[in-house]
Amino acid sequence: MGDLIFIGSVFCALISAYILLFKKNIVQLFSDRILAFLFLCYSYCTIGYLLISSGWLIHFPFLYRTSAPINYLIPPLAYLYVKSVLNNKNNWRWVDALHLIPFILISINYIPLFTMSIENKNAIVKMVVDNYTNNFNIQDGYLSENIQFLRPIQSLIYILLQWRLIYTFEKNNKSEIFQEHTAIVLTWLKKFTIAITFTILTFLIFVIGVIYSLSTKQNINDIVFYSSIPIAISLFYLSSYLIINSNIFLGLPYFDYDKNNIKVEVLDKAKYEAEIEAIENLISHEKPYLKQGFSINELSLKLGLPAKLVSFLINSHFDKNFNDFINTYRVSHVIDCIKAGDLQNYTLYALATQAGFSNKTSFVNAFKKVHNTTPSQFIANIESQNIGNGHQVL
């Protein structure tokens, strides 16, 4: 039963990472890539634990300790994710490389293990699988395995910095514009940080239990198992929450900070309305949606606006994602063609293709979403209305 919890959390985390990296209809954000990498790191470390607890690590001895350095990536990635969302950050900076120092140092420490012969590594893995206490008793790197107890210190530092980011943002953000969307994103960031905090507290309890067990020479397998469950539950909660609440993907594209990172500047209402009008005018007059595969990046280039801002404007004003927004215009174009009598010369799906739909299924689904009926039923209603009004049937 316990292993099912871990497998479920890894499965959901991998799905979330896939959505964050390859999702459609919502523009890719820099923060999404950080969060996806965080989920992948969590998943890899969880899989590493499962290999030990199940005994399967014996079949994959080359994976032993490979998750140890990755554990040191999780706290800084969580911090950088929150920072990138709140600061509207779009790319890496050289200073961000400083956060990788613990990961690099731990990787260097385990070079003797990583370069060890497979026979010797098999012997060590067998001892660890038989008794997890050997994970701390056997020195695999240049330094004593007590170095593992630096992880809770690193985690505490980053979680405090993470909460400080959220507190500072709320303190400086006094604008009422886009308050609803801001509240959605902030709620997510708080739940995300609470879940990370929960895993850190659990890890601290685990460290205390390990220290006690090692001092009394007791087996720590049960301590490792029960302390790992809350981490798996937190991972499952975060990944499933993200899948359900897709608006989080938009981030805060309308916020910006001054050079001193103190004052929050918000897109003013007049500029917001002007950009909405620009979107409507371009879509109505140029009809770019008639091109199959028309993307939000193409629209952003035509407007001269960042893609993530265009995505936010469409979601906030029209209450639709980009794909549904474009398909609304395509469906309207097909209906105009039907009313103009074009069905006398073209099939329905030929008209749908001319309107920008790539296949029959996407057309029918979009039509039902807009008019809550199928295209055939809609045409039948128009024909019955024409007969009732004494007009010729299409």
Protein backbone atom coordinates (compact mmCIF):
# COMPACT_ATOMS: atom_id res chain seq x y z
CA MET A 1 0.00 0.00 0.00
CA GLY A 2 2.81 2.36 0.89
CA ASP A 3 4.56 1.82 -2.43
CA LEU A 4 1.32 2.65 -4.27
CA ILE A 5 1.36 6.12 -2.67
CA PHE A 6 4.87 6.72 -4.00
CA ILE A 7 4.05 5.36 -7.45
CA GLY A 8 0.90 7.51 -7.64
CA SER A 9 2.79 10.66 -6.64
CA VAL A 10 5.51 10.01 -9.22
CA PHE A 11 2.92 9.36 -11.92
CA CYS A 12 1.07 12.63 -11.23
CA ALA A 13 4.33 14.57 -11.00
CA LEU A 14 5.49 13.24 -14.37
CA ILE A 15 2.15 14.15 -15.96
CA SER A 16 2.41 17.67 -14.52
CA ALA A 17 5.98 18.01 -15.81
CA TYR A 18 4.84 16.91 -19.27
CA ILE A 19 1.98 19.43 -19.28
CA LEU A 20 4.29 22.21 -18.12
CA LEU A 21 6.82 21.48 -20.85
CA PHE A 22 4.57 20.50 -23.75
CA LYS A 23 1.08 21.86 -22.99
CA LYS A 24 -0.96 23.40 -25.77
CA ASN A 25 -3.15 26.50 -25.87
CA ILE A 26 -1.25 28.26 -23.08
CA VAL A 27 1.98 30.08 -23.73
CA GLN A 28 5.14 28.55 -22.30
CA LEU A 29 6.47 30.45 -19.29
CA PHE A 30 9.98 30.44 -17.87
CA SER A 31 8.54 29.57 -14.45
CA ASP A 32 6.83 26.51 -15.96
CA ARG A 33 10.17 25.04 -16.96
CA ILE A 34 11.54 25.52 -13.44
CA LEU A 35 8.50 23.86 -11.90
CA ALA A 36 8.66 21.00 -14.40
CA PHE A 37 12.31 20.42 -13.55
CA LEU A 38 11.41 20.51 -9.84
CA PHE A 39 8.78 17.80 -10.36
CA LEU A 40 11.27 15.71 -12.32
CA CYS A 41 13.82 16.02 -9.50
CA TYR A 42 11.21 15.04 -6.90
CA SER A 43 10.17 12.09 -9.06
CA TYR A 44 13.72 10.87 -9.56
CA CYS A 45 14.48 11.03 -5.83
CA THR A 46 11.23 9.20 -5.04
CA ILE A 47 12.06 6.51 -7.59
CA GLY A 48 15.48 6.19 -5.94
CA TYR A 49 13.79 5.48 -2.60
CA LEU A 50 11.42 2.96 -4.21
CA LEU A 51 14.36 1.08 -5.72
CA ILE A 52 15.91 0.72 -2.27
CA SER A 53 12.71 -0.15 -0.38
CA SER A 54 11.65 -2.72 -2.99
CA GLY A 55 15.12 -4.21 -3.27
CA TRP A 56 15.18 -3.60 -7.04
CA LEU A 57 18.27 -1.42 -6.63
CA ILE A 58 20.27 -4.65 -6.73
CA HIS A 59 19.39 -4.84 -10.43
CA PHE A 60 20.36 -1.19 -11.02
CA PRO A 61 23.42 -0.65 -8.80
CA PHE A 62 24.74 2.12 -11.06
CA LEU A 63 21.82 4.31 -9.87
CA TYR A 64 22.89 4.15 -6.22
CA ARG A 65 23.42 7.63 -4.73
CA THR A 66 22.66 9.36 -8.05
CA SER A 67 19.69 11.05 -6.39
CA ALA A 68 21.83 12.43 -3.54
CA PRO A 69 23.08 15.51 -5.44
CA ILE A 70 19.63 16.03 -6.99
CA ASN A 71 18.14 16.41 -3.51
CA TYR A 72 20.15 19.62 -3.23
CA LEU A 73 18.46 21.03 -6.33
CA ILE A 74 14.92 20.83 -4.92
CA PRO A 75 15.05 23.73 -2.36
CA PRO A 76 16.64 26.26 -4.74
CA LEU A 77 14.32 25.23 -7.59
CA ALA A 78 11.26 25.79 -5.38
CA TYR A 79 12.61 29.21 -4.38
CA LEU A 80 13.49 30.18 -7.97
CA TYR A 81 10.04 29.09 -9.14
CA VAL A 82 8.26 31.40 -6.70
CA LYS A 83 10.70 34.20 -7.51
CA SER A 84 10.21 33.82 -11.27
CA VAL A 85 6.42 34.01 -10.92
CA LEU A 86 6.33 37.00 -8.58
CA ASN A 87 9.11 38.92 -10.33
CA ASN A 88 7.79 38.11 -13.79
CA LYS A 89 11.19 36.65 -14.62
CA ASN A 90 11.72 35.32 -18.15
CA ASN A 91 15.21 33.85 -18.22
CA TRP A 92 18.19 32.65 -16.22
CA ARG A 93 20.83 35.04 -14.96
CA TRP A 94 24.45 34.21 -14.21
CA VAL A 95 23.87 34.84 -10.51
CA ASP A 96 21.34 31.97 -10.50
CA ALA A 97 24.24 29.57 -11.01
CA LEU A 98 25.21 30.18 -7.38
CA HIS A 99 22.21 28.10 -6.35
CA LEU A 100 23.82 25.09 -8.05
CA ILE A 101 26.92 25.13 -5.81
CA PRO A 102 25.62 22.55 -3.24
CA PHE A 103 24.56 20.23 -6.08
CA ILE A 104 27.99 20.51 -7.71
CA LEU A 105 29.88 19.97 -4.43
CA ILE A 106 27.85 16.88 -3.51
CA SER A 107 28.33 15.50 -7.03
CA ILE A 108 32.09 15.94 -6.68
CA ASN A 109 32.02 14.31 -3.24
CA TYR A 110 30.54 11.10 -4.69
CA ILE A 111 32.97 10.78 -7.59
CA PRO A 112 34.69 7.78 -5.87
CA LEU A 113 31.35 5.97 -5.74
CA PHE A 114 30.28 6.92 -9.25
CA THR A 115 33.59 5.67 -10.67
CA MET A 116 33.69 2.51 -8.55
CA SER A 117 33.71 -0.91 -10.23
CA ILE A 118 30.31 -2.55 -10.61
CA GLU A 119 31.37 -5.48 -8.39
CA ASN A 120 32.19 -3.23 -5.42
CA LYS A 121 29.08 -1.17 -6.00
CA ASN A 122 26.95 -4.32 -6.02
CA ALA A 123 28.33 -5.27 -2.60
CA ILE A 124 27.50 -1.85 -1.13
CA VAL A 125 24.01 -1.83 -2.64
CA LYS A 126 23.26 -5.25 -1.15
CA MET A 127 24.20 -4.01 2.34
CA VAL A 128 22.04 -0.88 1.99
CA VAL A 129 19.04 -2.85 0.72
CA ASP A 130 19.36 -5.30 3.63
CA ASN A 131 19.66 -2.51 6.18
CA TYR A 132 19.09 1.15 5.30
CA THR A 133 21.24 2.16 8.28
CA ASN A 134 24.25 1.32 6.13
CA ASN A 135 23.29 4.29 3.95
CA PHE A 136 24.75 6.44 6.75
CA ASN A 137 27.41 4.09 8.09
CA ILE A 138 29.24 3.38 4.83
CA GLN A 139 31.33 6.29 3.54
CA ASP A 140 30.82 6.41 -0.22
CA GLY A 141 32.49 9.75 -0.97
CA TYR A 142 35.40 11.88 0.06
CA LEU A 143 33.52 13.11 3.12
CA SER A 144 31.63 11.36 5.90
CA GLU A 145 27.97 10.56 5.22
CA ASN A 146 27.15 13.05 7.97
CA ILE A 147 27.22 15.54 5.10
CA GLN A 148 23.64 14.44 4.39
CA PHE A 149 22.56 16.38 7.48
CA LEU A 150 23.38 19.64 5.64
CA ARG A 151 20.23 19.18 3.58
CA PRO A 152 17.80 20.32 6.32
CA ILE A 153 19.90 23.45 6.87
CA GLN A 154 19.80 24.27 3.15
CA SER A 155 16.06 23.54 3.04
CA LEU A 156 15.30 25.81 6.00
CA ILE A 157 17.22 28.71 4.48
CA TYR A 158 15.41 28.47 1.16
CA ILE A 159 11.94 28.04 2.60
CA LEU A 160 12.40 31.17 4.72
CA LEU A 161 13.51 33.08 1.62
CA GLN A 162 10.51 31.67 -0.23
CA TRP A 163 8.03 32.92 2.38
CA ARG A 164 9.82 36.28 2.40
CA LEU A 165 9.21 36.65 -1.36
CA ILE A 166 5.48 36.09 -0.93
CA TYR A 167 5.25 38.45 2.05
CA THR A 168 7.16 41.21 0.22
CA PHE A 169 4.98 40.88 -2.87
CA GLU A 170 1.73 41.10 -0.90
CA LYS A 171 3.05 44.08 1.03
CA ASN A 172 3.99 46.00 -2.14
CA ASN A 173 1.02 44.99 -4.29
CA LYS A 174 -1.73 47.51 -3.47
CA SER A 175 -3.38 47.65 -6.89
CA GLU A 176 -6.97 46.44 -7.32
CA ILE A 177 -6.48 45.76 -11.03
CA PHE A 178 -6.49 42.02 -11.88
CA GLN A 179 -6.92 41.31 -8.18
CA GLU A 180 -8.93 38.16 -8.86
CA HIS A 181 -6.26 36.58 -11.04
CA THR A 182 -3.53 37.72 -8.66
CA ALA A 183 -5.37 36.04 -5.80
CA ILE A 184 -5.54 32.76 -7.78
CA VAL A 185 -1.80 32.76 -8.43
CA LEU A 186 -0.93 33.82 -4.87
CA THR A 187 -3.18 31.11 -3.45
CA TRP A 188 -1.30 28.55 -5.50
CA LEU A 189 2.11 29.90 -4.47
CA LYS A 190 1.09 29.79 -0.80
CA LYS A 191 -0.21 26.22 -1.09
CA PHE A 192 2.94 25.29 -2.98
CA THR A 193 5.13 26.83 -0.25
CA ILE A 194 3.05 25.27 2.53
CA ALA A 195 3.50 21.84 0.93
CA ILE A 196 7.26 22.39 0.63
CA THR A 197 7.35 23.58 4.25
CA PHE A 198 5.47 20.46 5.30
CA THR A 199 8.03 18.22 3.59
CA ILE A 200 10.87 20.12 5.25
CA LEU A 201 9.35 19.74 8.71
CA THR A 202 8.85 16.05 8.00
CA PHE A 203 12.46 15.81 6.91
CA LEU A 204 13.61 17.48 10.15
CA ILE A 205 11.67 14.91 12.16
CA PHE A 206 13.27 12.20 10.02
CA VAL A 207 16.76 13.59 10.73
CA ILE A 208 16.09 13.60 14.47
CA GLY A 209 14.83 10.00 14.26
CA VAL A 210 17.88 8.91 12.26
CA ILE A 211 20.29 10.54 14.70
CA TYR A 212 18.53 8.84 17.62
CA SER A 213 18.45 5.45 15.87
CA LEU A 214 22.10 5.64 14.86
CA SER A 215 23.13 6.54 18.40
CA THR A 216 21.16 3.60 19.79
CA LYS A 217 22.14 1.32 16.88
CA GLN A 218 18.52 0.62 15.86
CA ASN A 219 17.24 -0.18 12.39
CA ILE A 220 15.94 2.96 10.61
CA ASN A 221 13.98 1.33 7.76
CA ASP A 222 10.60 2.15 9.32
CA ILE A 223 11.64 5.74 10.05
CA VAL A 224 12.65 6.23 6.42
CA PHE A 225 9.39 4.76 5.15
CA TYR A 226 6.99 6.74 7.35
CA SER A 227 8.88 10.01 6.89
CA SER A 228 8.78 9.59 3.12
CA ILE A 229 4.99 9.21 2.92
CA PRO A 230 4.21 12.91 3.68
CA ILE A 231 6.66 13.91 0.94
CA ALA A 232 4.89 11.64 -1.55
CA ILE A 233 1.48 13.00 -0.49
CA SER A 234 2.68 16.59 -0.90
CA LEU A 235 4.02 15.82 -4.36
CA PHE A 236 0.72 14.20 -5.32
CA TYR A 237 -1.25 17.19 -3.99
CA LEU A 238 0.85 19.81 -5.80
CA SER A 239 0.82 18.02 -9.14
CA SER A 240 -2.92 17.27 -9.08
CA TYR A 241 -3.75 20.84 -7.96
CA LEU A 242 -1.78 22.19 -10.89
CA ILE A 243 -3.61 19.98 -13.39
CA ILE A 244 -7.02 21.11 -12.14
CA ASN A 245 -6.22 24.85 -11.87
CA SER A 246 -4.83 25.70 -15.31
CA ASN A 247 -5.12 29.49 -14.80
CA ILE A 248 -1.99 29.27 -12.69
CA PHE A 249 -0.04 28.71 -15.90
CA LEU A 250 -0.61 32.34 -16.88
CA GLY A 251 1.56 33.67 -14.07
CA LEU A 252 1.54 37.43 -13.45
CA PRO A 253 2.48 38.85 -16.88
CA TYR A 254 1.15 42.34 -16.10
CA PHE A 255 3.45 42.93 -13.11
CA ASP A 256 6.88 44.46 -13.28
CA TYR A 257 9.41 45.68 -10.73
CA ASP A 258 11.64 48.71 -10.74
CA LYS A 259 15.44 48.36 -10.77
CA ASN A 260 15.64 48.15 -6.99
CA ASN A 261 13.02 45.39 -6.93
CA ILE A 262 10.96 47.35 -4.44
CA LYS A 263 7.98 48.95 -6.15
CA VAL A 264 5.45 46.86 -8.04
CA GLU A 265 4.14 48.45 -11.23
CA VAL A 266 0.88 47.18 -12.69
CA LEU A 267 -0.42 47.50 -16.24
CA ASP A 268 -2.86 50.44 -16.10
CA LYS A 269 -6.49 50.02 -17.08
CA ALA A 270 -6.31 52.30 -20.14
CA LYS A 271 -3.41 50.31 -21.58
CA TYR A 272 -5.25 47.07 -20.82
CA GLU A 273 -8.34 48.24 -22.73
CA ALA A 274 -6.23 49.47 -25.64
CA GLU A 275 -4.51 46.12 -25.96
CA ILE A 276 -7.82 44.26 -25.81
CA GLU A 277 -9.11 46.52 -28.60
CA ALA A 278 -5.95 45.84 -30.62
CA ILE A 279 -6.56 42.09 -30.34
CA GLU A 280 -10.18 42.41 -31.41
CA ASN A 281 -9.37 44.68 -34.36
CA LEU A 282 -6.60 42.44 -35.65
CA ILE A 283 -8.69 39.27 -35.38
CA SER A 284 -11.76 40.88 -37.00
CA HIS A 285 -10.02 42.68 -39.86
CA GLU A 286 -7.08 40.43 -40.78
CA LYS A 287 -8.79 37.13 -39.93
CA PRO A 288 -5.55 35.30 -39.14
CA TYR A 289 -7.56 32.43 -37.67
CA LEU A 290 -8.30 31.22 -41.21
CA LYS A 291 -4.77 29.83 -41.28
CA GLN A 292 -4.60 26.30 -39.93
CA GLY A 293 -2.29 25.99 -36.93
CA PHE A 294 -2.38 29.72 -36.18
CA SER A 295 -0.55 30.06 -32.87
CA ILE A 296 -0.42 32.52 -30.01
CA ASN A 297 3.20 33.27 -30.89
CA GLU A 298 2.12 34.41 -34.36
CA LEU A 299 -0.59 36.59 -32.82
CA SER A 300 1.87 38.11 -30.36
CA LEU A 301 4.26 38.97 -33.21
CA LYS A 302 1.47 40.69 -35.14
CA LEU A 303 0.47 42.66 -32.02
CA GLY A 304 4.02 43.41 -30.90
CA LEU A 305 3.23 42.12 -27.41
CA PRO A 306 4.80 39.30 -25.34
CA ALA A 307 3.03 35.99 -25.91
CA LYS A 308 2.37 35.43 -22.21
CA LEU A 309 0.73 38.88 -21.93
CA VAL A 310 -1.50 38.12 -24.93
CA SER A 311 -2.44 34.82 -23.31
CA PHE A 312 -3.34 36.57 -20.08
CA LEU A 313 -5.38 39.28 -21.85
CA ILE A 314 -7.43 36.68 -23.74
CA ASN A 315 -8.02 34.60 -20.61
CA SER A 316 -8.89 37.54 -18.34
CA HIS A 317 -11.09 39.51 -20.75
CA PHE A 318 -12.75 36.82 -22.87
CA ASP A 319 -12.66 34.09 -20.21
CA LYS A 320 -11.27 31.65 -22.80
CA ASN A 321 -7.93 30.08 -23.52
CA PHE A 322 -6.28 30.96 -26.83
CA ASN A 323 -7.51 27.88 -28.68
CA ASP A 324 -11.16 28.38 -27.66
CA PHE A 325 -10.91 32.10 -28.45
CA ILE A 326 -9.67 31.46 -32.01
CA ASN A 327 -12.15 28.63 -32.58
CA THR A 328 -15.03 30.95 -31.67
CA TYR A 329 -14.11 33.13 -34.65
CA ARG A 330 -13.67 30.09 -36.88
CA VAL A 331 -17.12 28.75 -35.96
CA SER A 332 -18.63 32.18 -36.59
CA HIS A 333 -16.97 32.24 -40.02
CA VAL A 334 -18.46 28.83 -40.90
CA ILE A 335 -21.93 29.98 -39.82
CA ASP A 336 -21.65 33.12 -41.97
CA CYS A 337 -20.75 30.89 -44.94
CA ILE A 338 -23.73 28.60 -44.24
CA LYS A 339 -26.14 31.55 -44.05
CA ALA A 340 -24.67 32.93 -47.28
CA GLY A 341 -25.65 29.68 -49.05
CA ASP A 342 -22.13 28.28 -49.52
CA LEU A 343 -23.37 24.78 -48.68
CA GLN A 344 -24.76 24.65 -52.21
CA ASN A 345 -21.19 24.55 -53.55
CA TYR A 346 -19.12 23.18 -50.66
CA THR A 347 -19.46 20.45 -48.06
CA LEU A 348 -19.72 21.47 -44.42
CA TYR A 349 -16.26 20.20 -43.62
CA ALA A 350 -14.77 21.95 -46.63
CA LEU A 351 -16.07 25.17 -45.12
CA ALA A 352 -14.61 24.16 -41.75
CA THR A 353 -11.21 23.58 -43.37
CA GLN A 354 -11.38 26.99 -45.07
CA ALA A 355 -12.14 28.51 -41.64
CA GLY A 356 -8.89 27.13 -40.21
CA PHE A 357 -9.96 23.84 -38.62
CA SER A 358 -7.46 21.07 -39.19
CA ASN A 359 -9.90 18.14 -38.93
CA LYS A 360 -13.54 17.18 -38.52
CA THR A 361 -13.27 16.28 -34.84
CA SER A 362 -11.81 19.63 -33.77
CA PHE A 363 -14.51 21.44 -35.76
CA VAL A 364 -17.40 19.48 -34.23
CA ASN A 365 -16.02 19.83 -30.70
CA ALA A 366 -15.46 23.57 -31.11
CA PHE A 367 -18.93 24.05 -32.61
CA LYS A 368 -20.60 22.19 -29.72
CA LYS A 369 -18.62 24.24 -27.22
CA VAL A 370 -19.76 27.53 -28.79
CA HIS A 371 -23.41 26.69 -29.62
CA ASN A 372 -24.12 23.67 -27.40
CA THR A 373 -25.28 21.69 -30.43
CA THR A 374 -23.77 19.83 -33.38
CA PRO A 375 -23.26 21.53 -36.77
CA SER A 376 -25.89 19.22 -38.35
CA GLN A 377 -28.49 20.13 -35.73
CA PHE A 378 -27.66 23.81 -36.13
CA ILE A 379 -28.16 23.61 -39.91
CA ALA A 380 -31.43 21.73 -39.42
CA ASN A 381 -32.67 24.53 -37.14
CA ILE A 382 -31.76 27.15 -39.77
CA GLU A 383 -33.61 25.17 -42.47
CA SER A 384 -36.74 24.82 -40.34
CA GLN A 385 -36.66 28.56 -39.61
CA ASN A 386 -36.31 29.32 -43.34
CA ILE A 387 -39.29 27.08 -44.15
CA GLY A 388 -41.33 28.78 -41.45
CA ASN A 389 -40.44 32.18 -42.88
CA GLY A 390 -41.26 31.07 -46.43
CA HIS A 391 -37.64 31.12 -47.60
CA GLN A 392 -36.04 28.55 -49.88
CA VAL A 393 -34.38 25.71 -48.07
CA LEU A 394 -30.54 25.75 -48.26
